[in-house]
Amino acid sequence: TYALYQIREARRRNRLYDVESTVKDQVYRGTDHEDFLASRVV
């Protein structure tokens, strides 16, 4: 929900990107930190 909101806002404001991968938005750690449990719930 947060990511979709940020995507909409980024487009509305003509930003270059939607979210940052830090605590500024949401901590995205990349494919190295994915696992079966997380993927199943997503």
PDB file of all heavy atoms in Angstrom:
ATOM      1  N   THR A   1       0.830  -1.197   0.000  1.00  0.00           N
ATOM      2  CA  THR A   1       0.000   0.000   0.000  1.00  0.00           C
ATOM      3  C   THR A   1       0.871   1.256   0.000  1.00  0.00           C
ATOM      4  O   THR A   1       0.642   2.192  -0.767  1.00  0.00           O
ATOM      5  CB  THR A   1      -0.944   0.000   1.216  1.00  0.00           C
ATOM      6  OG1 THR A   1      -1.729  -1.197   1.179  1.00  0.00           O
ATOM      7  CG2 THR A   1      -1.846   1.218   1.244  1.00  0.00           C
ATOM      8  N   TYR A   2       1.883   1.278   0.858  1.00  0.00           N
ATOM      9  CA  TYR A   2       2.802   2.418   0.937  1.00  0.00           C
ATOM     10  C   TYR A   2       3.526   2.615  -0.394  1.00  0.00           C
ATOM     11  O   TYR A   2       3.633   3.741  -0.898  1.00  0.00           O
ATOM     12  CB  TYR A   2       3.818   2.199   2.065  1.00  0.00           C
ATOM     13  CG  TYR A   2       4.832   3.303   2.163  1.00  0.00           C
ATOM     14  CD1 TYR A   2       4.542   4.475   2.845  1.00  0.00           C
ATOM     15  CD2 TYR A   2       6.074   3.185   1.546  1.00  0.00           C
ATOM     16  CE1 TYR A   2       5.475   5.502   2.926  1.00  0.00           C
ATOM     17  CE2 TYR A   2       7.009   4.204   1.617  1.00  0.00           C
ATOM     18  CZ  TYR A   2       6.704   5.356   2.305  1.00  0.00           C
ATOM     19  OH  TYR A   2       7.626   6.372   2.369  1.00  0.00           O
ATOM     20  N   ALA A   3       4.030   1.518  -0.965  1.00  0.00           N
ATOM     21  CA  ALA A   3       4.769   1.610  -2.226  1.00  0.00           C
ATOM     22  C   ALA A   3       3.887   2.147  -3.348  1.00  0.00           C
ATOM     23  O   ALA A   3       4.316   3.009  -4.124  1.00  0.00           O
ATOM     24  CB  ALA A   3       5.340   0.245  -2.599  1.00  0.00           C
ATOM     25  N   LEU A   4       2.664   1.664  -3.436  1.00  0.00           N
ATOM     26  CA  LEU A   4       1.751   2.145  -4.478  1.00  0.00           C
ATOM     27  C   LEU A   4       1.441   3.631  -4.301  1.00  0.00           C
ATOM     28  O   LEU A   4       1.360   4.377  -5.288  1.00  0.00           O
ATOM     29  CB  LEU A   4       0.467   1.321  -4.481  1.00  0.00           C
ATOM     30  CG  LEU A   4       0.626  -0.090  -5.052  1.00  0.00           C
ATOM     31  CD1 LEU A   4      -0.628  -0.909  -4.785  1.00  0.00           C
ATOM     32  CD2 LEU A   4       0.954  -0.043  -6.540  1.00  0.00           C
ATOM     33  N   TYR A   5       1.290   4.054  -3.073  1.00  0.00           N
ATOM     34  CA  TYR A   5       1.068   5.479  -2.808  1.00  0.00           C
ATOM     35  C   TYR A   5       2.281   6.294  -3.272  1.00  0.00           C
ATOM     36  O   TYR A   5       2.136   7.332  -3.927  1.00  0.00           O
ATOM     37  CB  TYR A   5       0.795   5.717  -1.323  1.00  0.00           C
ATOM     38  CG  TYR A   5       0.728   7.184  -0.977  1.00  0.00           C
ATOM     39  CD1 TYR A   5      -0.417   7.924  -1.249  1.00  0.00           C
ATOM     40  CD2 TYR A   5       1.818   7.835  -0.409  1.00  0.00           C
ATOM     41  CE1 TYR A   5      -0.478   9.281  -0.960  1.00  0.00           C
ATOM     42  CE2 TYR A   5       1.771   9.185  -0.127  1.00  0.00           C
ATOM     43  CZ  TYR A   5       0.629   9.904  -0.399  1.00  0.00           C
ATOM     44  OH  TYR A   5       0.573  11.250  -0.127  1.00  0.00           O
ATOM     45  N   GLN A   6       3.480   5.828  -2.934  1.00  0.00           N
ATOM     46  CA  GLN A   6       4.701   6.541  -3.316  1.00  0.00           C
ATOM     47  C   GLN A   6       4.882   6.574  -4.832  1.00  0.00           C
ATOM     48  O   GLN A   6       5.344   7.576  -5.386  1.00  0.00           O
ATOM     49  CB  GLN A   6       5.927   5.921  -2.642  1.00  0.00           C
ATOM     50  CG  GLN A   6       5.974   6.134  -1.150  1.00  0.00           C
ATOM     51  CD  GLN A   6       5.957   7.609  -0.768  1.00  0.00           C
ATOM     52  OE1 GLN A   6       6.467   8.461  -1.478  1.00  0.00           O
ATOM     53  NE2 GLN A   6       5.354   7.914   0.357  1.00  0.00           N
ATOM     54  N   ILE A   7       4.516   5.491  -5.511  1.00  0.00           N
ATOM     55  CA  ILE A   7       4.595   5.455  -6.976  1.00  0.00           C
ATOM     56  C   ILE A   7       3.676   6.526  -7.562  1.00  0.00           C
ATOM     57  O   ILE A   7       4.067   7.289  -8.446  1.00  0.00           O
ATOM     58  CB  ILE A   7       4.230   4.054  -7.507  1.00  0.00           C
ATOM     59  CG1 ILE A   7       5.338   3.058  -7.149  1.00  0.00           C
ATOM     60  CG2 ILE A   7       3.969   4.080  -9.009  1.00  0.00           C
ATOM     61  CD1 ILE A   7       4.952   1.609  -7.346  1.00  0.00           C
ATOM     62  N   ARG A   8       2.458   6.586  -7.060  1.00  0.00           N
ATOM     63  CA  ARG A   8       1.494   7.586  -7.551  1.00  0.00           C
ATOM     64  C   ARG A   8       2.012   9.009  -7.304  1.00  0.00           C
ATOM     65  O   ARG A   8       1.945   9.876  -8.173  1.00  0.00           O
ATOM     66  CB  ARG A   8       0.147   7.376  -6.888  1.00  0.00           C
ATOM     67  CG  ARG A   8      -0.927   8.282  -7.494  1.00  0.00           C
ATOM     68  CD  ARG A   8      -2.295   8.029  -6.929  1.00  0.00           C
ATOM     69  NE  ARG A   8      -2.315   8.479  -5.548  1.00  0.00           N
ATOM     70  CZ  ARG A   8      -3.003   7.900  -4.577  1.00  0.00           C
ATOM     71  NH1 ARG A   8      -3.731   6.839  -4.823  1.00  0.00           N
ATOM     72  NH2 ARG A   8      -2.968   8.375  -3.351  1.00  0.00           N
ATOM     73  N   GLU A   9       2.546   9.241  -6.102  1.00  0.00           N
ATOM     74  CA  GLU A   9       3.071  10.572  -5.772  1.00  0.00           C
ATOM     75  C   GLU A   9       4.279  10.932  -6.632  1.00  0.00           C
ATOM     76  O   GLU A   9       4.420  12.074  -7.062  1.00  0.00           O
ATOM     77  CB  GLU A   9       3.428  10.648  -4.284  1.00  0.00           C
ATOM     78  CG  GLU A   9       2.219  10.751  -3.389  1.00  0.00           C
ATOM     79  CD  GLU A   9       1.422  12.019  -3.654  1.00  0.00           C
ATOM     80  OE1 GLU A   9       1.965  13.128  -3.481  1.00  0.00           O
ATOM     81  OE2 GLU A   9       0.252  11.899  -4.048  1.00  0.00           O
ATOM     82  N   ALA A  10       5.149   9.969  -6.875  1.00  0.00           N
ATOM     83  CA  ALA A  10       6.343  10.216  -7.688  1.00  0.00           C
ATOM     84  C   ALA A  10       5.951  10.617  -9.105  1.00  0.00           C
ATOM     85  O   ALA A  10       6.530  11.540  -9.686  1.00  0.00           O
ATOM     86  CB  ALA A  10       7.230   8.974  -7.715  1.00  0.00           C
ATOM     87  N   ARG A  11       4.965   9.947  -9.654  1.00  0.00           N
ATOM     88  CA  ARG A  11       4.507  10.270 -11.008  1.00  0.00           C
ATOM     89  C   ARG A  11       3.848  11.649 -11.030  1.00  0.00           C
ATOM     90  O   ARG A  11       4.053  12.431 -11.954  1.00  0.00           O
ATOM     91  CB  ARG A  11       3.534   9.206 -11.497  1.00  0.00           C
ATOM     92  CG  ARG A  11       4.095   7.815 -11.419  1.00  0.00           C
ATOM     93  CD  ARG A  11       4.577   7.260 -12.732  1.00  0.00           C
ATOM     94  NE  ARG A  11       5.558   6.194 -12.575  1.00  0.00           N
ATOM     95  CZ  ARG A  11       5.279   4.947 -12.255  1.00  0.00           C
ATOM     96  NH1 ARG A  11       4.046   4.585 -12.036  1.00  0.00           N
ATOM     97  NH2 ARG A  11       6.247   4.049 -12.157  1.00  0.00           N
ATOM     98  N   ARG A  12       3.063  11.925 -10.004  1.00  0.00           N
ATOM     99  CA  ARG A  12       2.359  13.208  -9.930  1.00  0.00           C
ATOM    100  C   ARG A  12       3.350  14.372  -9.837  1.00  0.00           C
ATOM    101  O   ARG A  12       3.135  15.448 -10.399  1.00  0.00           O
ATOM    102  CB  ARG A  12       1.428  13.207  -8.720  1.00  0.00           C
ATOM    103  CG  ARG A  12       0.506  14.404  -8.629  1.00  0.00           C
ATOM    104  CD  ARG A  12      -0.489  14.276  -7.489  1.00  0.00           C
ATOM    105  NE  ARG A  12       0.096  14.390  -6.176  1.00  0.00           N
ATOM    106  CZ  ARG A  12       0.424  15.539  -5.577  1.00  0.00           C
ATOM    107  NH1 ARG A  12       0.214  16.680  -6.187  1.00  0.00           N
ATOM    108  NH2 ARG A  12       0.953  15.545  -4.373  1.00  0.00           N
ATOM    109  N   ARG A  13       4.449  14.145  -9.141  1.00  0.00           N
ATOM    110  CA  ARG A  13       5.447  15.208  -8.925  1.00  0.00           C
ATOM    111  C   ARG A  13       6.623  15.142  -9.895  1.00  0.00           C
ATOM    112  O   ARG A  13       7.603  15.862  -9.732  1.00  0.00           O
ATOM    113  CB  ARG A  13       5.966  15.126  -7.492  1.00  0.00           C
ATOM    114  CG  ARG A  13       4.883  15.391  -6.475  1.00  0.00           C
ATOM    115  CD  ARG A  13       5.374  15.233  -5.079  1.00  0.00           C
ATOM    116  NE  ARG A  13       4.283  15.448  -4.143  1.00  0.00           N
ATOM    117  CZ  ARG A  13       4.449  15.632  -2.862  1.00  0.00           C
ATOM    118  NH1 ARG A  13       5.655  15.643  -2.330  1.00  0.00           N
ATOM    119  NH2 ARG A  13       3.398  15.812  -2.085  1.00  0.00           N
ATOM    120  N   ASN A  14       6.548  14.214 -10.854  1.00  0.00           N
ATOM    121  CA  ASN A  14       7.618  14.041 -11.859  1.00  0.00           C
ATOM    122  C   ASN A  14       8.982  13.751 -11.232  1.00  0.00           C
ATOM    123  O   ASN A  14      10.011  14.252 -11.702  1.00  0.00           O
ATOM    124  CB  ASN A  14       7.705  15.258 -12.782  1.00  0.00           C
ATOM    125  CG  ASN A  14       6.509  15.363 -13.683  1.00  0.00           C
ATOM    126  OD1 ASN A  14       5.993  14.361 -14.183  1.00  0.00           O
ATOM    127  ND2 ASN A  14       6.033  16.583 -13.889  1.00  0.00           N
ATOM    128  N   ARG A  15       8.986  12.956 -10.164  1.00  0.00           N
ATOM    129  CA  ARG A  15      10.266  12.567  -9.556  1.00  0.00           C
ATOM    130  C   ARG A  15      10.960  11.517 -10.429  1.00  0.00           C
ATOM    131  O   ARG A  15      10.304  10.812 -11.193  1.00  0.00           O
ATOM    132  CB  ARG A  15      10.039  12.001  -8.146  1.00  0.00           C
ATOM    133  CG  ARG A  15       9.642  13.072  -7.149  1.00  0.00           C
ATOM    134  CD  ARG A  15       9.614  12.544  -5.744  1.00  0.00           C
ATOM    135  NE  ARG A  15       8.519  11.595  -5.602  1.00  0.00           N
ATOM    136  CZ  ARG A  15       8.019  11.192  -4.444  1.00  0.00           C
ATOM    137  NH1 ARG A  15       8.524  11.627  -3.312  1.00  0.00           N
ATOM    138  NH2 ARG A  15       7.023  10.342  -4.394  1.00  0.00           N
ATOM    139  N   LEU A  16      12.255  11.386 -10.268  1.00  0.00           N
ATOM    140  CA  LEU A  16      13.027  10.426 -11.054  1.00  0.00           C
ATOM    141  C   LEU A  16      12.827   8.985 -10.584  1.00  0.00           C
ATOM    142  O   LEU A  16      13.047   8.055 -11.357  1.00  0.00           O
ATOM    143  CB  LEU A  16      14.522  10.768 -10.993  1.00  0.00           C
ATOM    144  CG  LEU A  16      14.914  12.109 -11.616  1.00  0.00           C
ATOM    145  CD1 LEU A  16      16.384  12.390 -11.376  1.00  0.00           C
ATOM    146  CD2 LEU A  16      14.580  12.115 -13.103  1.00  0.00           C
ATOM    147  N   TYR A  17      12.450   8.803  -9.318  1.00  0.00           N
ATOM    148  CA  TYR A  17      12.261   7.455  -8.781  1.00  0.00           C
ATOM    149  C   TYR A  17      11.125   7.476  -7.773  1.00  0.00           C
ATOM    150  O   TYR A  17      10.693   8.523  -7.321  1.00  0.00           O
ATOM    151  CB  TYR A  17      13.553   6.935  -8.143  1.00  0.00           C
ATOM    152  CG  TYR A  17      14.130   7.859  -7.100  1.00  0.00           C
ATOM    153  CD1 TYR A  17      13.724   7.767  -5.776  1.00  0.00           C
ATOM    154  CD2 TYR A  17      15.072   8.821  -7.434  1.00  0.00           C
ATOM    155  CE1 TYR A  17      14.236   8.629  -4.806  1.00  0.00           C
ATOM    156  CE2 TYR A  17      15.596   9.679  -6.475  1.00  0.00           C
ATOM    157  CZ  TYR A  17      15.170   9.569  -5.175  1.00  0.00           C
ATOM    158  OH  TYR A  17      15.671  10.407  -4.215  1.00  0.00           O
ATOM    159  N   ASP A  18      10.647   6.268  -7.438  1.00  0.00           N
ATOM    160  CA  ASP A  18       9.474   6.139  -6.570  1.00  0.00           C
ATOM    161  C   ASP A  18       9.818   6.114  -5.089  1.00  0.00           C
ATOM    162  O   ASP A  18       9.247   6.845  -4.305  1.00  0.00           O
ATOM    163  CB  ASP A  18       8.702   4.862  -6.911  1.00  0.00           C
ATOM    164  CG  ASP A  18       8.285   4.824  -8.368  1.00  0.00           C
ATOM    165  OD1 ASP A  18       7.919   5.886  -8.903  1.00  0.00           O
ATOM    166  OD2 ASP A  18       8.327   3.743  -8.961  1.00  0.00           O
ATOM    167  N   VAL A  19      10.733   5.237  -4.710  1.00  0.00           N
ATOM    168  CA  VAL A  19      11.097   5.077  -3.296  1.00  0.00           C
ATOM    169  C   VAL A  19      12.601   4.909  -3.162  1.00  0.00           C
ATOM    170  O   VAL A  19      13.280   4.523  -4.109  1.00  0.00           O
ATOM    171  CB  VAL A  19      10.394   3.846  -2.639  1.00  0.00           C
ATOM    172  CG1 VAL A  19       8.900   4.035  -2.571  1.00  0.00           C
ATOM    173  CG2 VAL A  19      10.740   2.559  -3.352  1.00  0.00           C
ATOM    174  N   GLU A  20      13.100   5.188  -1.965  1.00  0.00           N
ATOM    175  CA  GLU A  20      14.492   4.902  -1.648  1.00  0.00           C
ATOM    176  C   GLU A  20      14.557   3.562  -0.930  1.00  0.00           C
ATOM    177  O   GLU A  20      13.577   3.133  -0.318  1.00  0.00           O
ATOM    178  CB  GLU A  20      15.082   6.013  -0.773  1.00  0.00           C
ATOM    179  CG  GLU A  20      15.186   7.320  -1.529  1.00  0.00           C
ATOM    180  CD  GLU A  20      15.993   8.362  -0.792  1.00  0.00           C
ATOM    181  OE1 GLU A  20      16.817   8.005   0.071  1.00  0.00           O
ATOM    182  OE2 GLU A  20      15.797   9.545  -1.093  1.00  0.00           O
ATOM    183  N   SER A  21      15.685   2.905  -0.979  1.00  0.00           N
ATOM    184  CA  SER A  21      15.822   1.571  -0.383  1.00  0.00           C
ATOM    185  C   SER A  21      16.279   1.618   1.071  1.00  0.00           C
ATOM    186  O   SER A  21      16.765   0.629   1.611  1.00  0.00           O
ATOM    187  CB  SER A  21      16.802   0.734  -1.203  1.00  0.00           C
ATOM    188  OG  SER A  21      18.085   1.344  -1.186  1.00  0.00           O
ATOM    189  N   THR A  22      16.107   2.760   1.712  1.00  0.00           N
ATOM    190  CA  THR A  22      16.570   2.950   3.086  1.00  0.00           C
ATOM    191  C   THR A  22      15.379   3.193   4.008  1.00  0.00           C
ATOM    192  O   THR A  22      14.231   3.178   3.577  1.00  0.00           O
ATOM    193  CB  THR A  22      17.495   4.179   3.162  1.00  0.00           C
ATOM    194  OG1 THR A  22      16.716   5.346   2.893  1.00  0.00           O
ATOM    195  CG2 THR A  22      18.636   4.078   2.167  1.00  0.00           C
ATOM    196  N   VAL A  23      15.666   3.481   5.266  1.00  0.00           N
ATOM    197  CA  VAL A  23      14.599   3.789   6.222  1.00  0.00           C
ATOM    198  C   VAL A  23      13.840   5.060   5.844  1.00  0.00           C
ATOM    199  O   VAL A  23      12.780   5.322   6.394  1.00  0.00           O
ATOM    200  CB  VAL A  23      15.136   3.891   7.671  1.00  0.00           C
ATOM    201  CG1 VAL A  23      15.665   2.553   8.136  1.00  0.00           C
ATOM    202  CG2 VAL A  23      16.198   4.971   7.792  1.00  0.00           C
ATOM    203  N   LYS A  24      14.365   5.829   4.894  1.00  0.00           N
ATOM    204  CA  LYS A  24      13.626   7.009   4.416  1.00  0.00           C
ATOM    205  C   LYS A  24      12.276   6.578   3.842  1.00  0.00           C
ATOM    206  O   LYS A  24      11.286   7.274   3.990  1.00  0.00           O
ATOM    207  CB  LYS A  24      14.421   7.757   3.371  1.00  0.00           C
ATOM    208  CG  LYS A  24      13.743   9.041   2.933  1.00  0.00           C
ATOM    209  CD  LYS A  24      14.659   9.869   2.069  1.00  0.00           C
ATOM    210  CE  LYS A  24      14.083  11.225   1.848  1.00  0.00           C
ATOM    211  NZ  LYS A  24      13.213  11.378   0.755  1.00  0.00           N
ATOM    212  N   ASP A  25      12.231   5.437   3.183  1.00  0.00           N
ATOM    213  CA  ASP A  25      10.982   4.864   2.680  1.00  0.00           C
ATOM    214  C   ASP A  25      10.810   3.471   3.288  1.00  0.00           C
ATOM    215  O   ASP A  25      10.301   3.338   4.374  1.00  0.00           O
ATOM    216  CB  ASP A  25      10.979   4.811   1.145  1.00  0.00           C
ATOM    217  CG  ASP A  25      10.738   6.184   0.535  1.00  0.00           C
ATOM    218  OD1 ASP A  25       9.733   6.812   0.903  1.00  0.00           O
ATOM    219  OD2 ASP A  25      11.532   6.612  -0.313  1.00  0.00           O
ATOM    220  N   GLN A  26      11.254   2.453   2.564  1.00  0.00           N
ATOM    221  CA  GLN A  26      11.178   1.077   3.070  1.00  0.00           C
ATOM    222  C   GLN A  26      12.522   0.424   2.780  1.00  0.00           C
ATOM    223  O   GLN A  26      13.111   0.644   1.721  1.00  0.00           O
ATOM    224  CB  GLN A  26      10.053   0.300   2.373  1.00  0.00           C
ATOM    225  CG  GLN A  26       8.689   0.907   2.633  1.00  0.00           C
ATOM    226  CD  GLN A  26       7.549   0.111   2.035  1.00  0.00           C
ATOM    227  OE1 GLN A  26       6.711  -0.350   2.768  1.00  0.00           O
ATOM    228  NE2 GLN A  26       7.502  -0.036   0.730  1.00  0.00           N
ATOM    229  N   VAL A  27      12.999  -0.396   3.689  1.00  0.00           N
ATOM    230  CA  VAL A  27      14.320  -1.004   3.545  1.00  0.00           C
ATOM    231  C   VAL A  27      14.240  -2.186   2.578  1.00  0.00           C
ATOM    232  O   VAL A  27      13.736  -3.253   2.918  1.00  0.00           O
ATOM    233  CB  VAL A  27      14.885  -1.460   4.905  1.00  0.00           C
ATOM    234  CG1 VAL A  27      16.250  -2.102   4.719  1.00  0.00           C
ATOM    235  CG2 VAL A  27      14.966  -0.281   5.865  1.00  0.00           C
ATOM    236  N   TYR A  28      14.717  -1.957   1.370  1.00  0.00           N
ATOM    237  CA  TYR A  28      14.795  -3.005   0.350  1.00  0.00           C
ATOM    238  C   TYR A  28      16.219  -3.542   0.341  1.00  0.00           C
ATOM    239  O   TYR A  28      17.160  -2.794   0.106  1.00  0.00           O
ATOM    240  CB  TYR A  28      14.423  -2.423  -1.024  1.00  0.00           C
ATOM    241  CG  TYR A  28      14.691  -3.385  -2.156  1.00  0.00           C
ATOM    242  CD1 TYR A  28      13.844  -4.471  -2.358  1.00  0.00           C
ATOM    243  CD2 TYR A  28      15.760  -3.212  -3.009  1.00  0.00           C
ATOM    244  CE1 TYR A  28      14.071  -5.364  -3.395  1.00  0.00           C
ATOM    245  CE2 TYR A  28      15.997  -4.092  -4.045  1.00  0.00           C
ATOM    246  CZ  TYR A  28      15.157  -5.169  -4.232  1.00  0.00           C
ATOM    247  OH  TYR A  28      15.388  -6.062  -5.250  1.00  0.00           O
ATOM    248  N   ARG A  29      16.379  -4.836   0.611  1.00  0.00           N
ATOM    249  CA  ARG A  29      17.722  -5.410   0.700  1.00  0.00           C
ATOM    250  C   ARG A  29      18.079  -6.249  -0.516  1.00  0.00           C
ATOM    251  O   ARG A  29      19.144  -6.839  -0.580  1.00  0.00           O
ATOM    252  CB  ARG A  29      17.854  -6.204   1.981  1.00  0.00           C
ATOM    253  CG  ARG A  29      17.699  -5.252   3.180  1.00  0.00           C
ATOM    254  CD  ARG A  29      17.930  -5.877   4.482  1.00  0.00           C
ATOM    255  NE  ARG A  29      19.317  -6.277   4.634  1.00  0.00           N
ATOM    256  CZ  ARG A  29      19.724  -7.146   5.530  1.00  0.00           C
ATOM    257  NH1 ARG A  29      18.860  -7.699   6.352  1.00  0.00           N
ATOM    258  NH2 ARG A  29      20.981  -7.488   5.614  1.00  0.00           N
ATOM    259  N   GLY A  30      17.187  -6.361  -1.474  1.00  0.00           N
ATOM    260  CA  GLY A  30      17.510  -7.029  -2.728  1.00  0.00           C
ATOM    261  C   GLY A  30      17.331  -8.527  -2.716  1.00  0.00           C
ATOM    262  O   GLY A  30      16.912  -9.132  -1.725  1.00  0.00           O
ATOM    263  N   THR A  31      17.673  -9.123  -3.834  1.00  0.00           N
ATOM    264  CA  THR A  31      17.450 -10.555  -4.033  1.00  0.00           C
ATOM    265  C   THR A  31      18.273 -11.432  -3.102  1.00  0.00           C
ATOM    266  O   THR A  31      17.878 -12.556  -2.822  1.00  0.00           O
ATOM    267  CB  THR A  31      17.735 -10.958  -5.488  1.00  0.00           C
ATOM    268  OG1 THR A  31      19.072 -10.598  -5.821  1.00  0.00           O
ATOM    269  CG2 THR A  31      16.780 -10.273  -6.445  1.00  0.00           C
ATOM    270  N   ASP A  32      19.385 -10.937  -2.624  1.00  0.00           N
ATOM    271  CA  ASP A  32      20.219 -11.729  -1.710  1.00  0.00           C
ATOM    272  C   ASP A  32      19.503 -12.043  -0.399  1.00  0.00           C
ATOM    273  O   ASP A  32      19.873 -12.968   0.305  1.00  0.00           O
ATOM    274  CB  ASP A  32      21.530 -11.011  -1.383  1.00  0.00           C
ATOM    275  CG  ASP A  32      22.482 -10.976  -2.563  1.00  0.00           C
ATOM    276  OD1 ASP A  32      22.245 -11.714  -3.541  1.00  0.00           O
ATOM    277  OD2 ASP A  32      23.446 -10.197  -2.512  1.00  0.00           O
ATOM    278  N   HIS A  33      18.477 -11.273  -0.064  1.00  0.00           N
ATOM    279  CA  HIS A  33      17.779 -11.447   1.209  1.00  0.00           C
ATOM    280  C   HIS A  33      16.365 -12.000   1.047  1.00  0.00           C
ATOM    281  O   HIS A  33      15.603 -12.054   1.997  1.00  0.00           O
ATOM    282  CB  HIS A  33      17.756 -10.126   1.983  1.00  0.00           C
ATOM    283  CG  HIS A  33      19.137  -9.688   2.356  1.00  0.00           C
ATOM    284  ND1 HIS A  33      19.804 -10.178   3.448  1.00  0.00           N
ATOM    285  CD2 HIS A  33      19.993  -8.847   1.741  1.00  0.00           C
ATOM    286  CE1 HIS A  33      21.011  -9.649   3.503  1.00  0.00           C
ATOM    287  NE2 HIS A  33      21.145  -8.834   2.476  1.00  0.00           N
ATOM    288  N   GLU A  34      16.036 -12.408  -0.170  1.00  0.00           N
ATOM    289  CA  GLU A  34      14.742 -13.055  -0.397  1.00  0.00           C
ATOM    290  C   GLU A  34      14.810 -14.497   0.104  1.00  0.00           C
ATOM    291  O   GLU A  34      15.881 -15.083   0.169  1.00  0.00           O
ATOM    292  CB  GLU A  34      14.412 -13.083  -1.892  1.00  0.00           C
ATOM    293  CG  GLU A  34      14.168 -11.732  -2.486  1.00  0.00           C
ATOM    294  CD  GLU A  34      13.947 -11.810  -3.989  1.00  0.00           C
ATOM    295  OE1 GLU A  34      13.753 -12.922  -4.528  1.00  0.00           O
ATOM    296  OE2 GLU A  34      13.966 -10.753  -4.622  1.00  0.00           O
ATOM    297  N   ASP A  35      13.671 -15.047   0.460  1.00  0.00           N
ATOM    298  CA  ASP A  35      13.611 -16.456   0.795  1.00  0.00           C
ATOM    299  C   ASP A  35      12.221 -17.010   0.479  1.00  0.00           C
ATOM    300  O   ASP A  35      11.306 -16.259   0.145  1.00  0.00           O
ATOM    301  CB  ASP A  35      14.007 -16.733   2.249  1.00  0.00           C
ATOM    302  CG  ASP A  35      13.107 -16.087   3.280  1.00  0.00           C
ATOM    303  OD1 ASP A  35      11.900 -15.942   3.030  1.00  0.00           O
ATOM    304  OD2 ASP A  35      13.614 -15.718   4.352  1.00  0.00           O
ATOM    305  N   PHE A  36      12.081 -18.302   0.557  1.00  0.00           N
ATOM    306  CA  PHE A  36      10.837 -18.972   0.192  1.00  0.00           C
ATOM    307  C   PHE A  36       9.669 -18.484   1.032  1.00  0.00           C
ATOM    308  O   PHE A  36       8.578 -18.251   0.511  1.00  0.00           O
ATOM    309  CB  PHE A  36      10.997 -20.488   0.327  1.00  0.00           C
ATOM    310  CG  PHE A  36       9.711 -21.224   0.121  1.00  0.00           C
ATOM    311  CD1 PHE A  36       9.201 -21.391  -1.163  1.00  0.00           C
ATOM    312  CD2 PHE A  36       8.995 -21.740   1.184  1.00  0.00           C
ATOM    313  CE1 PHE A  36       8.005 -22.055  -1.368  1.00  0.00           C
ATOM    314  CE2 PHE A  36       7.796 -22.407   0.993  1.00  0.00           C
ATOM    315  CZ  PHE A  36       7.303 -22.563  -0.299  1.00  0.00           C
ATOM    316  N   LEU A  37       9.865 -18.329   2.334  1.00  0.00           N
ATOM    317  CA  LEU A  37       8.770 -17.901   3.212  1.00  0.00           C
ATOM    318  C   LEU A  37       8.241 -16.528   2.811  1.00  0.00           C
ATOM    319  O   LEU A  37       7.034 -16.318   2.702  1.00  0.00           O
ATOM    320  CB  LEU A  37       9.237 -17.881   4.670  1.00  0.00           C
ATOM    321  CG  LEU A  37       9.667 -19.218   5.270  1.00  0.00           C
ATOM    322  CD1 LEU A  37      10.327 -18.998   6.623  1.00  0.00           C
ATOM    323  CD2 LEU A  37       8.483 -20.144   5.383  1.00  0.00           C
ATOM    324  N   ALA A  38       9.145 -15.606   2.580  1.00  0.00           N
ATOM    325  CA  ALA A  38       8.741 -14.256   2.185  1.00  0.00           C
ATOM    326  C   ALA A  38       8.027 -14.282   0.840  1.00  0.00           C
ATOM    327  O   ALA A  38       6.949 -13.700   0.686  1.00  0.00           O
ATOM    328  CB  ALA A  38       9.968 -13.350   2.116  1.00  0.00           C
ATOM    329  N   SER A  39       8.593 -14.969  -0.125  1.00  0.00           N
ATOM    330  CA  SER A  39       8.010 -15.025  -1.463  1.00  0.00           C
ATOM    331  C   SER A  39       6.627 -15.656  -1.456  1.00  0.00           C
ATOM    332  O   SER A  39       5.731 -15.229  -2.184  1.00  0.00           O
ATOM    333  CB  SER A  39       8.922 -15.793  -2.414  1.00  0.00           C
ATOM    334  OG  SER A  39      10.132 -15.103  -2.585  1.00  0.00           O
ATOM    335  N   ARG A  40       6.443 -16.675  -0.627  1.00  0.00           N
ATOM    336  CA  ARG A  40       5.144 -17.348  -0.543  1.00  0.00           C
ATOM    337  C   ARG A  40       4.071 -16.380  -0.042  1.00  0.00           C
ATOM    338  O   ARG A  40       2.972 -16.320  -0.583  1.00  0.00           O
ATOM    339  CB  ARG A  40       5.238 -18.568   0.368  1.00  0.00           C
ATOM    340  CG  ARG A  40       3.932 -19.347   0.445  1.00  0.00           C
ATOM    341  CD  ARG A  40       4.075 -20.596   1.223  1.00  0.00           C
ATOM    342  NE  ARG A  40       4.322 -20.266   2.619  1.00  0.00           N
ATOM    343  CZ  ARG A  40       4.788 -21.114   3.510  1.00  0.00           C
ATOM    344  NH1 ARG A  40       5.079 -22.347   3.183  1.00  0.00           N
ATOM    345  NH2 ARG A  40       4.965 -20.750   4.759  1.00  0.00           N
ATOM    346  N   VAL A  41       4.392 -15.598   0.976  1.00  0.00           N
ATOM    347  CA  VAL A  41       3.408 -14.656   1.522  1.00  0.00           C
ATOM    348  C   VAL A  41       3.152 -13.509   0.539  1.00  0.00           C
ATOM    349  O   VAL A  41       2.011 -13.088   0.346  1.00  0.00           O
ATOM    350  CB  VAL A  41       3.847 -14.116   2.897  1.00  0.00           C
ATOM    351  CG1 VAL A  41       2.888 -13.049   3.387  1.00  0.00           C
ATOM    352  CG2 VAL A  41       3.922 -15.259   3.894  1.00  0.00           C
ATOM    353  N   VAL A  42       4.193 -13.008  -0.095  1.00  0.00           N
ATOM    354  CA  VAL A  42       4.018 -11.951  -1.096  1.00  0.00           C
ATOM    355  C   VAL A  42       3.101 -12.458  -2.208  1.00  0.00           C
ATOM    356  O   VAL A  42       2.159 -11.768  -2.617  1.00  0.00           O
ATOM    357  CB  VAL A  42       5.378 -11.480  -1.658  1.00  0.00           C
ATOM    358  CG1 VAL A  42       5.186 -10.584  -2.869  1.00  0.00           C
ATOM    359  CG2 VAL A  42       6.183 -10.759  -0.579  1.00  0.00           C
TER     360      VAL A  42
END
